[in-house]
Amino acid sequence: MIGKSRQPTPRAVFGQGCGVLQHSPPPGSYRHERYAPGAALAAWVQHFWIESWDWGGATPQSREVLPHPCVHLVFVPGRSRVLGVQLSRFVRELTGRGRVVGVKFRPGAFYPFVKRPVSELADASLPLAELFAGAAEAERDVLASDDDGTSVAAATRFLGARLPPQDPAAQTACRIVETVATDQRITRVEHILARCGIGERTLQRLFKRYVGASARWVIKRYRVYEALERVSTSTRLDWASVAQELGYFDQAHFINDFRKLVGRTPAEYLRPSSTGG
């Protein structure tokens, strides 16, 4: 349990795990930390994250992101929002000095809070006040201190007071997505159907309501993440072998999917000018 008297322990932070594709070399200070939720929130929240920066008057810096299939609640001064699943990469520009406190929900776990299909939020965001009462007070409490433990404790209290009943369907959706994320052998929707013993229409409805993206999209996203992890640890790869291991029919299909999601081919992504440092 995170409290004011005890600092939370951060996990390793910056890189593919938080969806960052590339970033400009920071001229000042930059920090991105993640904190595990307490037991009361563990069924719904994957982690809290806190991002802070101070460029010391230098030019704005960019962050190119390929997000995971998760909903985020983001506390920002005067404009706290809920961000739906982003279906394509996007670029954020950070200017001057700032601090953001976020909550990353587990895949499928946000639906019970609002009881509306998460697909309605895909590629969109809504002001926090439109979905939760007490949003202004929560924003004030979460951002009142620059201490990470205090901010996480305030966000924990906000969500803890609004926890919905456990939803077995949400748990099923979460379990499926997390299985796809960790098992690279899942390369087609048919693999999910066989493993879970459900019909394709049932899977489609489940993902539309709880996940916010199709099962096929989720599979492709995580297989590209797997490719990104390999790219980040090696400069010499046999792309035909990588494509085969990730379940692609051939190298051309793999490169095409990679380009669609990342914006460049694997070879282009490897170039120093593309990785941004």
Protein backbone atom coordinates (compact mmCIF):
# COMPACT_ATOMS: atom_id res chain seq x y z
CA MET A 1 0.00 0.00 0.00
CA ILE A 2 1.36 3.40 -0.97
CA GLY A 3 1.09 6.07 1.68
CA LYS A 4 2.46 9.50 2.40
CA SER A 5 5.06 8.16 4.79
CA ARG A 6 6.60 5.74 2.33
CA GLN A 7 8.01 6.42 -1.11
CA PRO A 8 6.82 4.01 -3.82
CA THR A 9 9.45 2.00 -5.64
CA PRO A 10 9.78 2.90 -9.33
CA ARG A 11 10.11 0.33 -12.08
CA ALA A 12 12.40 0.71 -15.08
CA VAL A 13 10.79 3.28 -17.24
CA PHE A 14 11.81 4.67 -20.57
CA GLY A 15 11.64 2.70 -23.80
CA GLN A 16 9.38 0.25 -25.60
CA GLY A 17 7.65 -0.74 -22.38
CA CYS A 18 5.99 2.66 -22.13
CA GLY A 19 5.35 2.84 -25.87
CA VAL A 20 8.00 5.42 -26.74
CA LEU A 21 9.35 4.96 -30.26
CA GLN A 22 11.78 7.82 -30.40
CA HIS A 23 12.59 11.02 -28.63
CA SER A 24 14.84 14.02 -29.03
CA PRO A 25 17.90 14.10 -26.77
CA PRO A 26 16.77 16.14 -23.77
CA PRO A 27 18.76 19.35 -23.17
CA GLY A 28 17.49 19.60 -19.60
CA SER A 29 15.95 17.16 -17.15
CA TYR A 30 13.39 14.48 -17.95
CA ARG A 31 11.85 11.77 -15.77
CA HIS A 32 9.28 9.06 -16.43
CA GLU A 33 8.53 6.78 -13.48
CA ARG A 34 6.03 3.96 -13.02
CA TYR A 35 4.53 2.71 -9.75
CA ALA A 36 2.61 -0.47 -9.03
CA PRO A 37 -0.91 -0.07 -7.60
CA GLY A 38 -1.88 -1.28 -4.14
CA ALA A 39 -3.78 -4.52 -3.75
CA ALA A 40 -7.17 -2.77 -3.74
CA LEU A 41 -6.64 -1.42 -7.27
CA ALA A 42 -4.58 -4.24 -8.78
CA ALA A 43 -7.56 -5.76 -10.63
CA TRP A 44 -8.15 -2.52 -12.51
CA VAL A 45 -4.89 -0.55 -12.66
CA GLN A 46 -1.74 -1.74 -14.38
CA HIS A 47 0.40 1.05 -12.98
CA PHE A 48 0.59 4.75 -12.18
CA TRP A 49 3.03 6.81 -14.20
CA ILE A 50 4.53 10.22 -13.59
CA GLU A 51 6.29 12.28 -16.23
CA SER A 52 8.14 15.49 -15.46
CA TRP A 53 10.50 17.65 -17.46
CA ASP A 54 12.33 20.97 -17.43
CA TRP A 55 14.06 22.03 -20.62
CA GLY A 56 15.59 25.12 -19.05
CA GLY A 57 14.36 27.43 -21.78
CA ALA A 58 15.51 25.17 -24.63
CA THR A 59 13.35 24.24 -27.60
CA PRO A 60 10.37 21.85 -27.14
CA GLN A 61 11.08 18.14 -27.27
CA SER A 62 9.07 15.46 -29.05
CA ARG A 63 7.96 12.03 -27.88
CA GLU A 64 6.72 9.62 -30.54
CA VAL A 65 4.50 6.98 -28.95
CA LEU A 66 2.96 3.67 -30.03
CA PRO A 67 0.51 3.09 -27.16
CA HIS A 68 -0.63 -0.18 -25.66
CA PRO A 69 -4.34 -1.14 -25.89
CA CYS A 70 -5.15 0.51 -22.58
CA VAL A 71 -7.19 3.45 -21.33
CA HIS A 72 -5.30 6.15 -19.44
CA LEU A 73 -6.52 8.69 -16.92
CA VAL A 74 -4.23 11.72 -17.04
CA PHE A 75 -4.03 14.52 -14.47
CA VAL A 76 -2.83 17.74 -16.08
CA PRO A 77 -3.36 21.24 -14.61
CA GLY A 78 -6.69 22.53 -15.90
CA ARG A 79 -7.24 19.78 -18.45
CA SER A 80 -7.29 16.35 -16.85
CA ARG A 81 -8.70 13.76 -19.23
CA VAL A 82 -9.43 10.13 -19.95
CA LEU A 83 -7.61 8.93 -23.05
CA GLY A 84 -9.07 6.04 -25.00
CA VAL A 85 -7.04 3.41 -26.83
CA GLN A 86 -4.99 5.12 -29.52
CA LEU A 87 -5.07 3.02 -32.68
CA SER A 88 -2.05 4.61 -34.33
CA ARG A 89 1.18 6.21 -33.22
CA PHE A 90 1.15 9.85 -32.22
CA VAL A 91 3.66 12.55 -31.40
CA ARG A 92 3.56 14.60 -28.21
CA GLU A 93 5.44 17.86 -27.85
CA LEU A 94 6.68 18.79 -24.39
CA THR A 95 7.44 22.45 -23.84
CA GLY A 96 9.12 24.38 -21.05
CA ARG A 97 8.54 22.77 -17.69
CA GLY A 98 5.74 20.42 -16.64
CA ARG A 99 4.53 17.41 -14.73
CA VAL A 100 1.82 14.87 -15.55
CA VAL A 101 0.38 12.12 -13.36
CA GLY A 102 -1.27 9.22 -15.15
CA VAL A 103 -3.14 6.00 -14.45
CA LYS A 104 -2.79 3.15 -16.93
CA PHE A 105 -5.74 0.78 -16.64
CA ARG A 106 -5.34 -2.88 -17.40
CA PRO A 107 -6.73 -3.87 -20.80
CA GLY A 108 -10.50 -4.21 -20.56
CA ALA A 109 -10.63 -2.90 -16.99
CA PHE A 110 -11.97 0.59 -17.64
CA TYR A 111 -15.43 -0.39 -18.88
CA PRO A 112 -16.85 -1.22 -15.41
CA PHE A 113 -16.17 2.36 -14.28
CA VAL A 114 -18.30 4.00 -17.00
CA LYS A 115 -20.52 1.23 -18.42
CA ARG A 116 -20.10 2.38 -22.02
CA PRO A 117 -18.25 0.59 -24.83
CA VAL A 118 -14.57 1.46 -24.66
CA SER A 119 -14.51 1.46 -28.48
CA GLU A 120 -16.39 4.80 -28.29
CA LEU A 121 -13.24 6.32 -26.81
CA ALA A 122 -10.83 4.90 -29.40
CA ASP A 123 -8.54 7.61 -30.81
CA ALA A 124 -10.32 10.14 -28.59
CA SER A 125 -10.32 11.64 -25.13
CA LEU A 126 -12.89 13.14 -22.79
CA PRO A 127 -12.53 15.64 -19.94
CA LEU A 128 -12.29 13.80 -16.65
CA ALA A 129 -15.29 15.77 -15.34
CA GLU A 130 -17.54 14.23 -18.03
CA LEU A 131 -16.94 10.74 -16.67
CA PHE A 132 -16.26 11.19 -12.96
CA ALA A 133 -17.75 13.39 -10.27
CA GLY A 134 -15.21 15.24 -8.15
CA ALA A 135 -12.73 15.57 -11.01
CA ALA A 136 -11.65 19.12 -10.15
CA GLU A 137 -10.95 18.22 -6.52
CA ALA A 138 -9.05 15.11 -7.59
CA GLU A 139 -6.90 17.10 -10.00
CA ARG A 140 -6.08 19.58 -7.26
CA ASP A 141 -5.18 16.85 -4.76
CA VAL A 142 -3.10 14.77 -7.18
CA LEU A 143 -1.09 17.73 -8.47
CA ALA A 144 -0.81 19.62 -5.17
CA SER A 145 2.61 18.15 -4.44
CA ASP A 146 5.67 17.31 -6.56
CA ASP A 147 6.22 14.26 -4.37
CA ASP A 148 5.46 11.09 -6.32
CA GLY A 149 4.20 9.15 -3.31
CA THR A 150 1.76 11.90 -2.38
CA SER A 151 0.43 12.13 -5.94
CA VAL A 152 0.00 8.38 -6.29
CA ALA A 153 -1.74 8.21 -2.90
CA ALA A 154 -4.20 10.94 -3.98
CA ALA A 155 -4.95 9.19 -7.28
CA THR A 156 -5.39 5.93 -5.36
CA ARG A 157 -7.95 7.55 -3.05
CA PHE A 158 -9.84 8.99 -6.03
CA LEU A 159 -10.18 5.63 -7.77
CA GLY A 160 -10.60 3.67 -4.56
CA ALA A 161 -13.74 5.65 -3.72
CA ARG A 162 -15.21 4.81 -7.14
CA LEU A 163 -14.38 1.14 -7.60
CA PRO A 164 -17.08 -0.75 -9.49
CA PRO A 165 -18.09 -4.35 -8.75
CA GLN A 166 -15.87 -7.02 -10.23
CA ASP A 167 -16.88 -7.81 -13.82
CA PRO A 168 -16.05 -11.35 -14.99
CA ALA A 169 -16.19 -10.29 -18.65
CA ALA A 170 -13.66 -7.53 -17.99
CA GLN A 171 -11.39 -10.07 -16.35
CA THR A 172 -11.74 -12.34 -19.37
CA ALA A 173 -10.87 -9.52 -21.78
CA CYS A 174 -7.87 -8.55 -19.69
CA ARG A 175 -6.65 -12.12 -19.49
CA ILE A 176 -6.90 -12.55 -23.28
CA VAL A 177 -5.00 -9.35 -24.04
CA GLU A 178 -2.28 -10.09 -21.52
CA THR A 179 -1.92 -13.60 -22.97
CA VAL A 180 -1.48 -12.11 -26.45
CA ALA A 181 1.11 -9.70 -25.05
CA THR A 182 3.24 -12.42 -23.50
CA ASP A 183 2.86 -15.32 -25.94
CA GLN A 184 4.39 -14.58 -29.34
CA ARG A 185 2.95 -17.83 -30.68
CA ILE A 186 -0.44 -16.10 -30.87
CA THR A 187 -0.37 -14.60 -34.33
CA ARG A 188 -3.96 -15.03 -35.52
CA VAL A 189 -7.45 -14.61 -34.08
CA GLU A 190 -7.99 -18.34 -34.55
CA HIS A 191 -5.32 -18.98 -31.93
CA ILE A 192 -7.32 -16.98 -29.36
CA LEU A 193 -10.55 -18.76 -30.25
CA ALA A 194 -8.95 -22.18 -29.84
CA ARG A 195 -7.29 -21.32 -26.55
CA CYS A 196 -10.32 -19.61 -24.98
CA GLY A 197 -13.02 -21.83 -26.40
CA ILE A 198 -15.26 -18.95 -27.50
CA GLY A 199 -16.82 -17.99 -30.82
CA GLU A 200 -15.51 -15.25 -33.07
CA ARG A 201 -18.63 -13.08 -32.72
CA THR A 202 -18.42 -13.33 -28.93
CA LEU A 203 -14.76 -12.29 -29.08
CA GLN A 204 -15.61 -9.34 -31.33
CA ARG A 205 -18.30 -8.09 -28.96
CA LEU A 206 -16.03 -8.58 -25.94
CA PHE A 207 -13.20 -6.56 -27.46
CA LYS A 208 -15.49 -3.81 -28.76
CA ARG A 209 -17.07 -3.28 -25.35
CA TYR A 210 -14.10 -3.83 -23.04
CA VAL A 211 -10.84 -3.38 -24.96
CA GLY A 212 -11.63 -0.68 -27.50
CA ALA A 213 -9.83 -2.34 -30.41
CA SER A 214 -10.24 -5.57 -32.36
CA ALA A 215 -8.47 -8.77 -31.41
CA ARG A 216 -6.64 -8.73 -34.74
CA TRP A 217 -5.38 -5.20 -34.05
CA VAL A 218 -4.19 -6.22 -30.57
CA ILE A 219 -2.29 -9.21 -31.94
CA LYS A 220 -0.54 -7.11 -34.58
CA ARG A 221 0.31 -4.41 -32.06
CA TYR A 222 2.01 -6.82 -29.69
CA ARG A 223 3.86 -8.70 -32.41
CA VAL A 224 5.25 -5.37 -33.61
CA TYR A 225 6.23 -4.62 -30.01
CA GLU A 226 8.10 -7.92 -30.01
CA ALA A 227 9.90 -6.83 -33.16
CA LEU A 228 10.74 -3.47 -31.58
CA GLU A 229 12.25 -5.24 -28.58
CA ARG A 230 14.47 -7.23 -30.91
CA VAL A 231 15.45 -4.12 -32.85
CA SER A 232 16.37 -2.37 -29.61
CA THR A 233 18.77 -5.14 -28.60
CA SER A 234 20.39 -5.96 -31.95
CA THR A 235 21.56 -4.08 -35.02
CA ARG A 236 21.79 -7.20 -37.19
CA LEU A 237 18.62 -9.17 -37.70
CA ASP A 238 17.40 -11.63 -40.29
CA TRP A 239 14.05 -10.01 -41.05
CA ALA A 240 12.76 -13.08 -42.89
CA SER A 241 13.37 -15.19 -39.76
CA VAL A 242 11.84 -12.55 -37.50
CA ALA A 243 8.74 -12.41 -39.72
CA GLN A 244 8.38 -16.18 -39.61
CA GLU A 245 8.81 -16.34 -35.82
CA LEU A 246 6.15 -13.66 -35.35
CA GLY A 247 3.67 -15.59 -37.49
CA TYR A 248 3.79 -13.62 -40.74
CA PHE A 249 3.28 -15.30 -44.08
CA ASP A 250 6.40 -13.66 -45.44
CA GLN A 251 8.85 -10.82 -44.82
CA ALA A 252 6.91 -8.35 -47.00
CA HIS A 253 3.75 -8.65 -44.87
CA PHE A 254 5.74 -8.14 -41.68
CA ILE A 255 7.54 -5.07 -43.02
CA ASN A 256 4.25 -3.64 -44.26
CA ASP A 257 2.62 -3.98 -40.81
CA PHE A 258 5.70 -2.58 -39.11
CA ARG A 259 5.69 0.45 -41.42
CA LYS A 260 1.98 1.07 -40.87
CA LEU A 261 2.32 1.10 -37.09
CA VAL A 262 5.77 2.60 -36.62
CA GLY A 263 5.92 4.90 -39.62
CA ARG A 264 9.10 3.45 -41.08
CA THR A 265 10.54 0.09 -42.08
CA PRO A 266 12.58 -1.94 -39.58
CA ALA A 267 15.79 -1.01 -41.42
CA GLU A 268 14.87 2.69 -41.33
CA TYR A 269 14.02 2.45 -37.65
CA LEU A 270 17.49 1.06 -36.93
CA ARG A 271 19.27 4.04 -38.43
CA PRO A 272 20.69 6.44 -35.80
CA SER A 273 18.89 9.38 -37.37
CA SER A 274 15.56 7.59 -36.84
CA THR A 275 16.00 6.51 -33.25
CA GLY A 276 16.53 10.01 -31.96
CA GLY A 277 19.14 9.05 -29.33
